[in-house]
Amino acid sequence: MTLYIQPNQYRRMVRRWVEQPQQSEYRSLGVNVSEQEDAYLLSALVPGLKAEDLNIQVLENVVSIEGEYRTDEGEYLLSELPRGTFRRALRMPADIQADKVEAKITDGVLTLSLPKAESAKPKRINVSVN
């Protein structure tokens, strides 16, 4: 009679998860930016965050978004959810009207409407025929 002993593969997987070095606590925020005629639209995924968890600033043509994912300090076999602080600064191609910026969070998606400054909007010039 031959006896084969096969190691428990699940046990190896758990060790691999636990032995991995902790990921950096600082993350970058991924965004989508689109341009309309009179504004830029910025979208970012911020799952689980509320408006008070975010700090959004606009200075001339630079948009800065900061926040922090808070998590409990439980012990996990696998931890892939975002945690820690993040900061993202983007330089837009044109100046932004900071007093007219609108921000909203819906279903974990942050949407910023960044109106262009009057100096950055294209001017239509009518040509007269003589």
Protein backbone atom coordinates (compact mmCIF):
# COMPACT_ATOMS: atom_id res chain seq x y z
CA MET A 1 0.00 0.00 0.00
CA THR A 2 1.28 3.45 -0.99
CA LEU A 3 0.38 6.56 0.98
CA TYR A 4 0.59 9.96 -0.70
CA ILE A 5 0.66 13.10 1.40
CA GLN A 6 -0.44 16.23 -0.36
CA PRO A 7 0.09 19.59 1.34
CA ASN A 8 -2.94 21.75 1.99
CA GLN A 9 -2.88 24.37 -0.78
CA TYR A 10 -5.19 26.71 1.13
CA ARG A 11 -2.71 26.86 4.01
CA ARG A 12 0.08 27.98 1.63
CA MET A 13 -2.19 30.65 0.17
CA VAL A 14 -2.96 32.07 3.62
CA ARG A 15 0.74 32.25 4.43
CA ARG A 16 1.44 34.06 1.17
CA TRP A 17 -1.25 36.64 1.95
CA VAL A 18 -0.02 37.21 5.48
CA GLU A 19 3.67 37.29 4.60
CA GLN A 20 3.32 39.96 1.90
CA PRO A 21 4.76 43.30 2.96
CA GLN A 22 2.20 45.93 3.84
CA GLN A 23 1.31 48.17 0.93
CA SER A 24 2.12 51.84 1.10
CA GLU A 25 -0.40 53.86 3.08
CA TYR A 26 -0.34 56.62 0.46
CA ARG A 27 -2.38 56.18 -2.69
CA SER A 28 -2.92 58.17 -5.82
CA LEU A 29 -6.45 59.00 -6.87
CA GLY A 30 -7.36 57.89 -10.39
CA VAL A 31 -9.43 60.41 -12.34
CA ASN A 32 -11.15 60.97 -15.68
CA VAL A 33 -11.16 64.49 -17.11
CA SER A 34 -13.20 65.61 -20.08
CA GLU A 35 -13.49 69.02 -21.71
CA GLN A 36 -16.66 70.81 -22.67
CA GLU A 37 -16.96 74.18 -24.34
CA ASP A 38 -17.14 76.15 -21.10
CA ALA A 39 -15.96 73.72 -18.40
CA TYR A 40 -13.89 70.66 -17.50
CA LEU A 41 -15.56 67.63 -15.90
CA LEU A 42 -13.51 65.56 -13.47
CA SER A 43 -14.66 62.18 -12.14
CA ALA A 44 -12.97 60.03 -9.49
CA LEU A 45 -13.91 56.88 -7.62
CA VAL A 46 -14.08 57.50 -3.86
CA PRO A 47 -15.94 54.47 -2.46
CA GLY A 48 -17.16 54.84 1.10
CA LEU A 49 -16.14 58.49 1.48
CA LYS A 50 -18.46 61.34 2.42
CA ALA A 51 -18.21 65.02 1.53
CA GLU A 52 -16.57 65.84 4.88
CA ASP A 53 -13.81 63.27 4.19
CA LEU A 54 -12.56 65.25 1.16
CA ASN A 55 -10.64 68.51 0.84
CA ILE A 56 -10.89 70.07 -2.63
CA GLN A 57 -9.01 73.24 -3.54
CA VAL A 58 -8.71 75.23 -6.77
CA LEU A 59 -6.01 77.83 -7.37
CA GLU A 60 -5.79 79.36 -10.85
CA ASN A 61 -5.56 76.23 -13.03
CA VAL A 62 -4.55 73.66 -10.37
CA VAL A 63 -7.14 71.38 -8.78
CA SER A 64 -6.10 69.56 -5.60
CA ILE A 65 -8.08 66.69 -4.03
CA GLU A 66 -7.11 65.20 -0.67
CA GLY A 67 -8.80 62.61 1.51
CA GLU A 68 -8.39 59.64 3.77
CA TYR A 69 -9.89 56.17 3.81
CA ARG A 70 -10.51 55.12 7.39
CA THR A 71 -10.57 51.43 8.25
CA ASP A 72 -10.76 49.43 11.41
CA GLU A 73 -7.55 47.86 12.62
CA GLY A 74 -8.88 44.31 12.38
CA GLU A 75 -6.76 41.37 11.34
CA TYR A 76 -7.47 40.17 7.81
CA LEU A 77 -6.34 37.24 5.71
CA LEU A 78 -6.52 39.51 2.66
CA SER A 79 -6.88 43.28 2.65
CA GLU A 80 -7.33 44.97 -0.75
CA LEU A 81 -9.73 47.77 0.06
CA PRO A 82 -8.23 51.27 -0.12
CA ARG A 83 -6.87 52.70 3.10
CA GLY A 84 -4.76 55.60 4.20
CA THR A 85 -4.47 59.06 2.75
CA PHE A 86 -4.40 60.17 -0.85
CA ARG A 87 -3.64 63.43 -2.64
CA ARG A 88 -3.96 64.33 -6.30
CA ALA A 89 -3.13 67.66 -7.91
CA LEU A 90 -3.96 68.31 -11.56
CA ARG A 91 -2.95 71.27 -13.70
CA MET A 92 -5.75 72.11 -16.11
CA PRO A 93 -4.94 73.57 -19.55
CA ALA A 94 -6.76 76.83 -18.70
CA ASP A 95 -7.61 78.91 -15.62
CA ILE A 96 -10.66 77.86 -13.58
CA GLN A 97 -13.32 80.06 -11.97
CA ALA A 98 -12.81 78.82 -8.41
CA ASP A 99 -15.95 80.48 -7.03
CA LYS A 100 -18.19 78.57 -9.48
CA VAL A 101 -16.77 75.06 -9.04
CA GLU A 102 -19.41 72.46 -8.18
CA ALA A 103 -18.69 69.12 -6.49
CA LYS A 104 -20.97 66.18 -5.72
CA ILE A 105 -20.65 62.55 -4.65
CA THR A 106 -23.13 60.02 -6.01
CA ASP A 107 -22.78 56.27 -5.47
CA GLY A 108 -19.08 56.57 -4.60
CA VAL A 109 -18.20 58.74 -7.61
CA LEU A 110 -16.91 62.27 -7.07
CA THR A 111 -17.84 64.63 -9.91
CA LEU A 112 -16.35 68.12 -10.21
CA SER A 113 -17.58 70.71 -12.67
CA LEU A 114 -14.73 73.16 -13.24
CA PRO A 115 -15.91 76.21 -15.24
CA LYS A 116 -13.26 77.85 -17.38
CA ALA A 117 -12.34 81.47 -16.68
CA GLU A 118 -13.69 84.01 -19.17
CA SER A 119 -10.18 84.65 -20.49
CA ALA A 120 -9.87 80.94 -21.38
CA LYS A 121 -13.15 80.63 -23.30
CA PRO A 122 -13.00 80.91 -27.07
CA LYS A 123 -14.39 84.16 -28.48
CA ARG A 124 -16.54 84.10 -31.58
CA ILE A 125 -15.79 86.96 -33.96
CA ASN A 126 -18.30 87.87 -36.62
CA VAL A 127 -16.87 88.87 -39.96
CA SER A 128 -18.70 91.56 -41.89
CA VAL A 129 -18.75 91.63 -45.67
CA ASN A 130 -18.34 95.01 -47.42
